[in-house]
Amino acid sequence: MPCVTEIDTVINYQIFDSGHKNIVFTGMTVAPVGNDQLSNSSVSISGKQLTFTDANTKKMTLNITLQFKDEDGISFMHDPQVVNEPGQQ
């Protein structure tokens, strides 16, 4: 689980090996909702990168749900967590 220690940290997820399947990002959600820590996400034109910024001003665990779609149009999700530890190094 990544631990963010710096303010305004850029978090970037990239699809680099999808087993010869055309998988792309379609977005993300985060819990708790309304946490004021993560910016809106941006998906690259190719769909292979998803980027957002973590303000990291409050100690908390953020439950992120990454949303994907494969070449057959089937949607699926993955749910990594990010731990905010402001002031830790």
PDB file of N, CA and C in Angstrom:
ATOM      1  N   MET A   1       0.842  -1.160   0.000  1.00  0.00           N
ATOM      2  CA  MET A   1       0.000   0.000   0.000  1.00  0.00           C
ATOM      3  C   MET A   1       0.899   1.238   0.000  1.00  0.00           C
ATOM      4  N   PRO A   2       0.773   2.103  -0.999  1.00  0.00           N
ATOM      5  CA  PRO A   2       1.602   3.310  -1.034  1.00  0.00           C
ATOM      6  C   PRO A   2       1.313   4.222   0.157  1.00  0.00           C
ATOM      7  N   CYS A   3       2.355   4.823   0.678  1.00  0.00           N
ATOM      8  CA  CYS A   3       2.238   5.782   1.767  1.00  0.00           C
ATOM      9  C   CYS A   3       2.713   7.135   1.252  1.00  0.00           C
ATOM     10  N   VAL A   4       1.815   8.107   1.190  1.00  0.00           N
ATOM     11  CA  VAL A   4       2.128   9.437   0.672  1.00  0.00           C
ATOM     12  C   VAL A   4       2.609  10.298   1.828  1.00  0.00           C
ATOM     13  N   THR A   5       3.802  10.907   1.676  1.00  0.00           N
ATOM     14  CA  THR A   5       4.371  11.732   2.738  1.00  0.00           C
ATOM     15  C   THR A   5       4.527  13.198   2.348  1.00  0.00           C
ATOM     16  N   GLU A   6       4.426  13.525   1.077  1.00  0.00           N
ATOM     17  CA  GLU A   6       4.600  14.897   0.599  1.00  0.00           C
ATOM     18  C   GLU A   6       3.253  15.500   0.204  1.00  0.00           C
ATOM     19  N   ILE A   7       3.108  16.814   0.405  1.00  0.00           N
ATOM     20  CA  ILE A   7       1.870  17.468  -0.020  1.00  0.00           C
ATOM     21  C   ILE A   7       1.828  17.554  -1.549  1.00  0.00           C
ATOM     22  N   ASP A   8       0.631  17.615  -2.076  1.00  0.00           N
ATOM     23  CA  ASP A   8       0.405  17.730  -3.524  1.00  0.00           C
ATOM     24  C   ASP A   8       1.173  16.692  -4.335  1.00  0.00           C
ATOM     25  N   THR A   9       1.062  15.444  -3.919  1.00  0.00           N
ATOM     26  CA  THR A   9       1.729  14.331  -4.601  1.00  0.00           C
ATOM     27  C   THR A   9       0.915  13.899  -5.821  1.00  0.00           C
ATOM     28  N   VAL A  10       1.578  13.800  -6.970  1.00  0.00           N
ATOM     29  CA  VAL A  10       0.931  13.316  -8.190  1.00  0.00           C
ATOM     30  C   VAL A  10       0.957  11.785  -8.164  1.00  0.00           C
ATOM     31  N   ILE A  11      -0.207  11.194  -8.349  1.00  0.00           N
ATOM     32  CA  ILE A  11      -0.326   9.731  -8.404  1.00  0.00           C
ATOM     33  C   ILE A  11      -0.732   9.371  -9.825  1.00  0.00           C
ATOM     34  N   ASN A  12       0.031   8.479 -10.430  1.00  0.00           N
ATOM     35  CA  ASN A  12      -0.188   8.098 -11.815  1.00  0.00           C
ATOM     36  C   ASN A  12      -0.235   6.573 -11.914  1.00  0.00           C
ATOM     37  N   TYR A  13      -1.321   6.056 -12.438  1.00  0.00           N
ATOM     38  CA  TYR A  13      -1.430   4.624 -12.724  1.00  0.00           C
ATOM     39  C   TYR A  13      -1.300   4.449 -14.229  1.00  0.00           C
ATOM     40  N   GLN A  14      -0.549   3.431 -14.636  1.00  0.00           N
ATOM     41  CA  GLN A  14      -0.317   3.196 -16.062  1.00  0.00           C
ATOM     42  C   GLN A  14      -0.508   1.726 -16.383  1.00  0.00           C
ATOM     43  N   ILE A  15      -1.168   1.452 -17.488  1.00  0.00           N
ATOM     44  CA  ILE A  15      -1.307   0.086 -17.999  1.00  0.00           C
ATOM     45  C   ILE A  15      -0.179  -0.122 -18.994  1.00  0.00           C
ATOM     46  N   PHE A  16       0.736  -1.029 -18.676  1.00  0.00           N
ATOM     47  CA  PHE A  16       1.853  -1.251 -19.600  1.00  0.00           C
ATOM     48  C   PHE A  16       1.909  -2.674 -20.124  1.00  0.00           C
ATOM     49  N   ASP A  17       1.242  -3.611 -19.499  1.00  0.00           N
ATOM     50  CA  ASP A  17       1.199  -4.981 -20.019  1.00  0.00           C
ATOM     51  C   ASP A  17      -0.162  -5.561 -19.674  1.00  0.00           C
ATOM     52  N   SER A  18      -1.005  -5.663 -20.678  1.00  0.00           N
ATOM     53  CA  SER A  18      -2.361  -6.165 -20.437  1.00  0.00           C
ATOM     54  C   SER A  18      -2.593  -7.507 -21.119  1.00  0.00           C
ATOM     55  N   GLY A  19      -1.515  -8.245 -21.337  1.00  0.00           N
ATOM     56  CA  GLY A  19      -1.649  -9.582 -21.908  1.00  0.00           C
ATOM     57  C   GLY A  19      -2.281  -9.596 -23.283  1.00  0.00           C
ATOM     58  N   HIS A  20      -1.906  -8.645 -24.116  1.00  0.00           N
ATOM     59  CA  HIS A  20      -2.411  -8.531 -25.491  1.00  0.00           C
ATOM     60  C   HIS A  20      -3.908  -8.248 -25.557  1.00  0.00           C
ATOM     61  N   LYS A  21      -4.459  -7.719 -24.469  1.00  0.00           N
ATOM     62  CA  LYS A  21      -5.858  -7.269 -24.459  1.00  0.00           C
ATOM     63  C   LYS A  21      -5.841  -5.747 -24.447  1.00  0.00           C
ATOM     64  N   ASN A  22      -6.787  -5.142 -25.119  1.00  0.00           N
ATOM     65  CA  ASN A  22      -6.856  -3.690 -25.133  1.00  0.00           C
ATOM     66  C   ASN A  22      -7.684  -3.218 -23.941  1.00  0.00           C
ATOM     67  N   ILE A  23      -7.013  -3.044 -22.800  1.00  0.00           N
ATOM     68  CA  ILE A  23      -7.655  -2.593 -21.571  1.00  0.00           C
ATOM     69  C   ILE A  23      -7.325  -1.121 -21.371  1.00  0.00           C
ATOM     70  N   VAL A  24      -8.341  -0.333 -21.015  1.00  0.00           N
ATOM     71  CA  VAL A  24      -8.142   1.099 -20.785  1.00  0.00           C
ATOM     72  C   VAL A  24      -8.811   1.512 -19.475  1.00  0.00           C
ATOM     73  N   PHE A  25      -8.315   2.612 -18.900  1.00  0.00           N
ATOM     74  CA  PHE A  25      -8.965   3.218 -17.742  1.00  0.00           C
ATOM     75  C   PHE A  25     -10.213   3.955 -18.207  1.00  0.00           C
ATOM     76  N   THR A  26     -11.265   3.920 -17.387  1.00  0.00           N
ATOM     77  CA  THR A  26     -12.457   4.711 -17.671  1.00  0.00           C
ATOM     78  C   THR A  26     -12.725   5.726 -16.566  1.00  0.00           C
ATOM     79  N   GLY A  27     -12.005   5.637 -15.454  1.00  0.00           N
ATOM     80  CA  GLY A  27     -12.181   6.586 -14.364  1.00  0.00           C
ATOM     81  C   GLY A  27     -11.813   5.977 -13.032  1.00  0.00           C
ATOM     82  N   MET A  28     -12.235   6.655 -11.962  1.00  0.00           N
ATOM     83  CA  MET A  28     -11.975   6.173 -10.605  1.00  0.00           C
ATOM     84  C   MET A  28     -12.987   6.796  -9.651  1.00  0.00           C
ATOM     85  N   THR A  29     -13.143   6.147  -8.516  1.00  0.00           N
ATOM     86  CA  THR A  29     -13.897   6.705  -7.397  1.00  0.00           C
ATOM     87  C   THR A  29     -13.041   6.559  -6.158  1.00  0.00           C
ATOM     88  N   VAL A  30     -13.408   7.276  -5.093  1.00  0.00           N
ATOM     89  CA  VAL A  30     -12.642   7.196  -3.851  1.00  0.00           C
ATOM     90  C   VAL A  30     -13.596   7.249  -2.664  1.00  0.00           C
ATOM     91  N   ALA A  31     -13.236   6.506  -1.617  1.00  0.00           N
ATOM     92  CA  ALA A  31     -13.963   6.554  -0.351  1.00  0.00           C
ATOM     93  C   ALA A  31     -12.945   6.859   0.746  1.00  0.00           C
ATOM     94  N   PRO A  32     -13.271   7.658   1.714  1.00  0.00           N
ATOM     95  CA  PRO A  32     -14.589   8.241   1.900  1.00  0.00           C
ATOM     96  C   PRO A  32     -14.886   9.330   0.873  1.00  0.00           C
ATOM     97  N   VAL A  33     -16.158   9.414   0.504  1.00  0.00           N
ATOM     98  CA  VAL A  33     -16.620  10.429  -0.454  1.00  0.00           C
ATOM     99  C   VAL A  33     -16.496  11.801   0.198  1.00  0.00           C
ATOM    100  N   GLY A  34     -16.137  12.806  -0.586  1.00  0.00           N
ATOM    101  CA  GLY A  34     -16.032  14.168  -0.065  1.00  0.00           C
ATOM    102  C   GLY A  34     -14.870  14.361   0.884  1.00  0.00           C
ATOM    103  N   ASN A  35     -13.769  13.656   0.644  1.00  0.00           N
ATOM    104  CA  ASN A  35     -12.626  13.681   1.567  1.00  0.00           C
ATOM    105  C   ASN A  35     -11.710  14.880   1.370  1.00  0.00           C
ATOM    106  N   ASP A  36     -11.825  15.668   0.373  1.00  0.00           N
ATOM    107  CA  ASP A  36     -11.039  16.850   0.020  1.00  0.00           C
ATOM    108  C   ASP A  36      -9.529  16.599  -0.076  1.00  0.00           C
ATOM    109  N   GLN A  37      -9.140  15.369  -0.369  1.00  0.00           N
ATOM    110  CA  GLN A  37      -7.721  15.038  -0.502  1.00  0.00           C
ATOM    111  C   GLN A  37      -7.301  14.785  -1.944  1.00  0.00           C
ATOM    112  N   LEU A  38      -8.181  14.216  -2.763  1.00  0.00           N
ATOM    113  CA  LEU A  38      -7.818  13.859  -4.137  1.00  0.00           C
ATOM    114  C   LEU A  38      -8.497  14.777  -5.144  1.00  0.00           C
ATOM    115  N   SER A  39      -7.721  15.183  -6.160  1.00  0.00           N
ATOM    116  CA  SER A  39      -8.278  15.978  -7.255  1.00  0.00           C
ATOM    117  C   SER A  39      -9.108  15.078  -8.169  1.00  0.00           C
ATOM    118  N   ASN A  40      -9.824  15.684  -9.091  1.00  0.00           N
ATOM    119  CA  ASN A  40     -10.480  14.892 -10.125  1.00  0.00           C
ATOM    120  C   ASN A  40      -9.402  14.179 -10.933  1.00  0.00           C
ATOM    121  N   SER A  41      -9.713  13.007 -11.404  1.00  0.00           N
ATOM    122  CA  SER A  41      -8.743  12.248 -12.191  1.00  0.00           C
ATOM    123  C   SER A  41      -8.801  12.650 -13.651  1.00  0.00           C
ATOM    124  N   SER A  42      -7.719  12.354 -14.350  1.00  0.00           N
ATOM    125  CA  SER A  42      -7.621  12.606 -15.783  1.00  0.00           C
ATOM    126  C   SER A  42      -7.143  11.318 -16.445  1.00  0.00           C
ATOM    127  N   VAL A  43      -7.855  10.893 -17.481  1.00  0.00           N
ATOM    128  CA  VAL A  43      -7.466   9.712 -18.252  1.00  0.00           C
ATOM    129  C   VAL A  43      -6.820  10.196 -19.541  1.00  0.00           C
ATOM    130  N   SER A  44      -5.667   9.621 -19.881  1.00  0.00           N
ATOM    131  CA  SER A  44      -4.962  10.012 -21.102  1.00  0.00           C
ATOM    132  C   SER A  44      -5.793   9.681 -22.340  1.00  0.00           C
ATOM    133  N   ILE A  45      -5.437  10.293 -23.454  1.00  0.00           N
ATOM    134  CA  ILE A  45      -6.150  10.064 -24.711  1.00  0.00           C
ATOM    135  C   ILE A  45      -6.153   8.577 -25.075  1.00  0.00           C
ATOM    136  N   SER A  46      -5.034   7.896 -24.838  1.00  0.00           N
ATOM    137  CA  SER A  46      -4.949   6.462 -25.161  1.00  0.00           C
ATOM    138  C   SER A  46      -5.726   5.611 -24.172  1.00  0.00           C
ATOM    139  N   GLY A  47      -6.052   6.175 -23.002  1.00  0.00           N
ATOM    140  CA  GLY A  47      -6.728   5.406 -21.962  1.00  0.00           C
ATOM    141  C   GLY A  47      -5.780   4.577 -21.120  1.00  0.00           C
ATOM    142  N   LYS A  48      -4.479   4.661 -21.384  1.00  0.00           N
ATOM    143  CA  LYS A  48      -3.502   3.818 -20.698  1.00  0.00           C
ATOM    144  C   LYS A  48      -2.935   4.442 -19.417  1.00  0.00           C
ATOM    145  N   GLN A  49      -3.253   5.723 -19.139  1.00  0.00           N
ATOM    146  CA  GLN A  49      -2.791   6.367 -17.912  1.00  0.00           C
ATOM    147  C   GLN A  49      -3.944   7.087 -17.228  1.00  0.00           C
ATOM    148  N   LEU A  50      -3.934   7.036 -15.904  1.00  0.00           N
ATOM    149  CA  LEU A  50      -4.894   7.753 -15.087  1.00  0.00           C
ATOM    150  C   LEU A  50      -4.096   8.515 -14.038  1.00  0.00           C
ATOM    151  N   THR A  51      -4.334   9.826 -13.920  1.00  0.00           N
ATOM    152  CA  THR A  51      -3.524  10.678 -13.055  1.00  0.00           C
ATOM    153  C   THR A  51      -4.417  11.549 -12.180  1.00  0.00           C
ATOM    154  N   PHE A  52      -3.993  11.754 -10.928  1.00  0.00           N
ATOM    155  CA  PHE A  52      -4.667  12.675 -10.023  1.00  0.00           C
ATOM    156  C   PHE A  52      -3.667  13.140  -8.975  1.00  0.00           C
ATOM    157  N   THR A  53      -4.046  14.147  -8.189  1.00  0.00           N
ATOM    158  CA  THR A  53      -3.169  14.703  -7.169  1.00  0.00           C
ATOM    159  C   THR A  53      -3.754  14.449  -5.790  1.00  0.00           C
ATOM    160  N   ASP A  54      -2.879  14.082  -4.852  1.00  0.00           N
ATOM    161  CA  ASP A  54      -3.250  13.862  -3.456  1.00  0.00           C
ATOM    162  C   ASP A  54      -2.746  15.060  -2.647  1.00  0.00           C
ATOM    163  N   ALA A  55      -3.654  15.840  -2.065  1.00  0.00           N
ATOM    164  CA  ALA A  55      -3.269  17.005  -1.271  1.00  0.00           C
ATOM    165  C   ALA A  55      -2.438  16.600  -0.054  1.00  0.00           C
ATOM    166  N   ASN A  56      -2.728  15.451   0.521  1.00  0.00           N
ATOM    167  CA  ASN A  56      -2.036  14.919   1.697  1.00  0.00           C
ATOM    168  C   ASN A  56      -1.945  15.948   2.829  1.00  0.00           C
ATOM    169  N   THR A  57      -3.091  16.473   3.213  1.00  0.00           N
ATOM    170  CA  THR A  57      -3.138  17.416   4.323  1.00  0.00           C
ATOM    171  C   THR A  57      -3.773  16.816   5.574  1.00  0.00           C
ATOM    172  N   LYS A  58      -4.302  15.603   5.458  1.00  0.00           N
ATOM    173  CA  LYS A  58      -4.917  14.911   6.587  1.00  0.00           C
ATOM    174  C   LYS A  58      -4.449  13.466   6.610  1.00  0.00           C
ATOM    175  N   LYS A  59      -4.160  12.953   7.814  1.00  0.00           N
ATOM    176  CA  LYS A  59      -3.778  11.546   7.949  1.00  0.00           C
ATOM    177  C   LYS A  59      -5.036  10.698   7.775  1.00  0.00           C
ATOM    178  N   MET A  60      -5.024   9.842   6.784  1.00  0.00           N
ATOM    179  CA  MET A  60      -6.176   8.986   6.503  1.00  0.00           C
ATOM    180  C   MET A  60      -5.817   7.934   5.465  1.00  0.00           C
ATOM    181  N   THR A  61      -6.639   6.906   5.381  1.00  0.00           N
ATOM    182  CA  THR A  61      -6.520   5.899   4.327  1.00  0.00           C
ATOM    183  C   THR A  61      -7.609   6.167   3.297  1.00  0.00           C
ATOM    184  N   LEU A  62      -7.203   6.225   2.033  1.00  0.00           N
ATOM    185  CA  LEU A  62      -8.128   6.473   0.928  1.00  0.00           C
ATOM    186  C   LEU A  62      -8.320   5.180   0.151  1.00  0.00           C
ATOM    187  N   ASN A  63      -9.543   4.769  -0.004  1.00  0.00           N
ATOM    188  CA  ASN A  63      -9.881   3.558  -0.753  1.00  0.00           C
ATOM    189  C   ASN A  63     -10.265   3.958  -2.168  1.00  0.00           C
ATOM    190  N   ILE A  64      -9.370   3.689  -3.094  1.00  0.00           N
ATOM    191  CA  ILE A  64      -9.544   4.075  -4.486  1.00  0.00           C
ATOM    192  C   ILE A  64     -10.078   2.885  -5.274  1.00  0.00           C
ATOM    193  N   THR A  65     -11.008   3.151  -6.153  1.00  0.00           N
ATOM    194  CA  THR A  65     -11.491   2.121  -7.072  1.00  0.00           C
ATOM    195  C   THR A  65     -11.164   2.576  -8.482  1.00  0.00           C
ATOM    196  N   LEU A  66     -10.239   1.875  -9.119  1.00  0.00           N
ATOM    197  CA  LEU A  66      -9.882   2.157 -10.509  1.00  0.00           C
ATOM    198  C   LEU A  66     -10.855   1.416 -11.412  1.00  0.00           C
ATOM    199  N   GLN A  67     -11.367   2.104 -12.407  1.00  0.00           N
ATOM    200  CA  GLN A  67     -12.354   1.526 -13.317  1.00  0.00           C
ATOM    201  C   GLN A  67     -11.725   1.322 -14.695  1.00  0.00           C
ATOM    202  N   PHE A  68     -11.973   0.146 -15.264  1.00  0.00           N
ATOM    203  CA  PHE A  68     -11.395  -0.247 -16.549  1.00  0.00           C
ATOM    204  C   PHE A  68     -12.470  -0.767 -17.485  1.00  0.00           C
ATOM    205  N   LYS A  69     -12.098  -0.863 -18.774  1.00  0.00           N
ATOM    206  CA  LYS A  69     -12.935  -1.523 -19.772  1.00  0.00           C
ATOM    207  C   LYS A  69     -12.007  -2.280 -20.708  1.00  0.00           C
ATOM    208  N   ASP A  70     -12.411  -3.499 -21.080  1.00  0.00           N
ATOM    209  CA  ASP A  70     -11.577  -4.268 -22.011  1.00  0.00           C
ATOM    210  C   ASP A  70     -12.077  -4.097 -23.446  1.00  0.00           C
ATOM    211  N   GLU A  71     -11.387  -4.752 -24.371  1.00  0.00           N
ATOM    212  CA  GLU A  71     -11.700  -4.596 -25.798  1.00  0.00           C
ATOM    213  C   GLU A  71     -13.088  -5.105 -26.178  1.00  0.00           C
ATOM    214  N   ASP A  72     -13.685  -5.921 -25.326  1.00  0.00           N
ATOM    215  CA  ASP A  72     -15.040  -6.415 -25.582  1.00  0.00           C
ATOM    216  C   ASP A  72     -16.098  -5.540 -24.921  1.00  0.00           C
ATOM    217  N   GLY A  73     -15.667  -4.436 -24.281  1.00  0.00           N
ATOM    218  CA  GLY A  73     -16.605  -3.529 -23.633  1.00  0.00           C
ATOM    219  C   GLY A  73     -17.000  -3.944 -22.232  1.00  0.00           C
ATOM    220  N   ILE A  74     -16.318  -4.951 -21.691  1.00  0.00           N
ATOM    221  CA  ILE A  74     -16.633  -5.425 -20.343  1.00  0.00           C
ATOM    222  C   ILE A  74     -15.914  -4.542 -19.327  1.00  0.00           C
ATOM    223  N   SER A  75     -16.680  -3.995 -18.389  1.00  0.00           N
ATOM    224  CA  SER A  75     -16.121  -3.136 -17.349  1.00  0.00           C
ATOM    225  C   SER A  75     -15.716  -3.961 -16.135  1.00  0.00           C
ATOM    226  N   PHE A  76     -14.636  -3.539 -15.477  1.00  0.00           N
ATOM    227  CA  PHE A  76     -14.201  -4.174 -14.233  1.00  0.00           C
ATOM    228  C   PHE A  76     -13.433  -3.162 -13.409  1.00  0.00           C
ATOM    229  N   MET A  77     -13.138  -3.513 -12.146  1.00  0.00           N
ATOM    230  CA  MET A  77     -12.523  -2.572 -11.213  1.00  0.00           C
ATOM    231  C   MET A  77     -11.387  -3.237 -10.434  1.00  0.00           C
ATOM    232  N   HIS A  78     -10.528  -2.402  -9.888  1.00  0.00           N
ATOM    233  CA  HIS A  78      -9.462  -2.817  -8.981  1.00  0.00           C
ATOM    234  C   HIS A  78      -9.419  -1.778  -7.870  1.00  0.00           C
ATOM    235  N   ASP A  79      -9.124  -2.188  -6.634  1.00  0.00           N
ATOM    236  CA  ASP A  79      -9.266  -1.266  -5.515  1.00  0.00           C
ATOM    237  C   ASP A  79      -8.018  -1.141  -4.630  1.00  0.00           C
ATOM    238  N   PRO A  80      -7.004  -0.401  -5.116  1.00  0.00           N
ATOM    239  CA  PRO A  80      -5.835  -0.141  -4.271  1.00  0.00           C
ATOM    240  C   PRO A  80      -6.167   0.878  -3.181  1.00  0.00           C
ATOM    241  N   GLN A  81      -5.338   0.933  -2.150  1.00  0.00           N
ATOM    242  CA  GLN A  81      -5.479   1.928  -1.088  1.00  0.00           C
ATOM    243  C   GLN A  81      -4.254   2.823  -1.078  1.00  0.00           C
ATOM    244  N   VAL A  82      -4.429   4.047  -0.599  1.00  0.00           N
ATOM    245  CA  VAL A  82      -3.332   4.995  -0.404  1.00  0.00           C
ATOM    246  C   VAL A  82      -3.437   5.498   1.025  1.00  0.00           C
ATOM    247  N   VAL A  83      -2.318   5.492   1.748  1.00  0.00           N
ATOM    248  CA  VAL A  83      -2.295   5.999   3.116  1.00  0.00           C
ATOM    249  C   VAL A  83      -1.634   7.371   3.122  1.00  0.00           C
ATOM    250  N   ASN A  84      -2.337   8.374   3.633  1.00  0.00           N
ATOM    251  CA  ASN A  84      -1.777   9.718   3.773  1.00  0.00           C
ATOM    252  C   ASN A  84      -1.102   9.831   5.136  1.00  0.00           C
ATOM    253  N   GLU A  85       0.158  10.248   5.128  1.00  0.00           N
ATOM    254  CA  GLU A  85       0.946  10.461   6.343  1.00  0.00           C
ATOM    255  C   GLU A  85       1.640  11.812   6.244  1.00  0.00           C
ATOM    256  N   PRO A  86       0.887  12.932   6.357  1.00  0.00           N
ATOM    257  CA  PRO A  86       1.525  14.233   6.224  1.00  0.00           C
ATOM    258  C   PRO A  86       2.624  14.431   7.269  1.00  0.00           C
ATOM    259  N   GLY A  87       3.738  15.015   6.826  1.00  0.00           N
ATOM    260  CA  GLY A  87       4.832  15.287   7.740  1.00  0.00           C
ATOM    261  C   GLY A  87       5.736  14.124   8.036  1.00  0.00           C
ATOM    262  N   GLN A  88       5.443  12.941   7.524  1.00  0.00           N
ATOM    263  CA  GLN A  88       6.304  11.766   7.726  1.00  0.00           C
ATOM    264  C   GLN A  88       7.304  11.679   6.599  1.00  0.00           C
ATOM    265  N   GLN A  89       8.505  11.201   6.891  1.00  0.00           N
ATOM    266  CA  GLN A  89       9.510  11.047   5.840  1.00  0.00           C
ATOM    267  C   GLN A  89      10.260   9.759   6.015  1.00  0.00           C
TER     268      GLN A  89
END
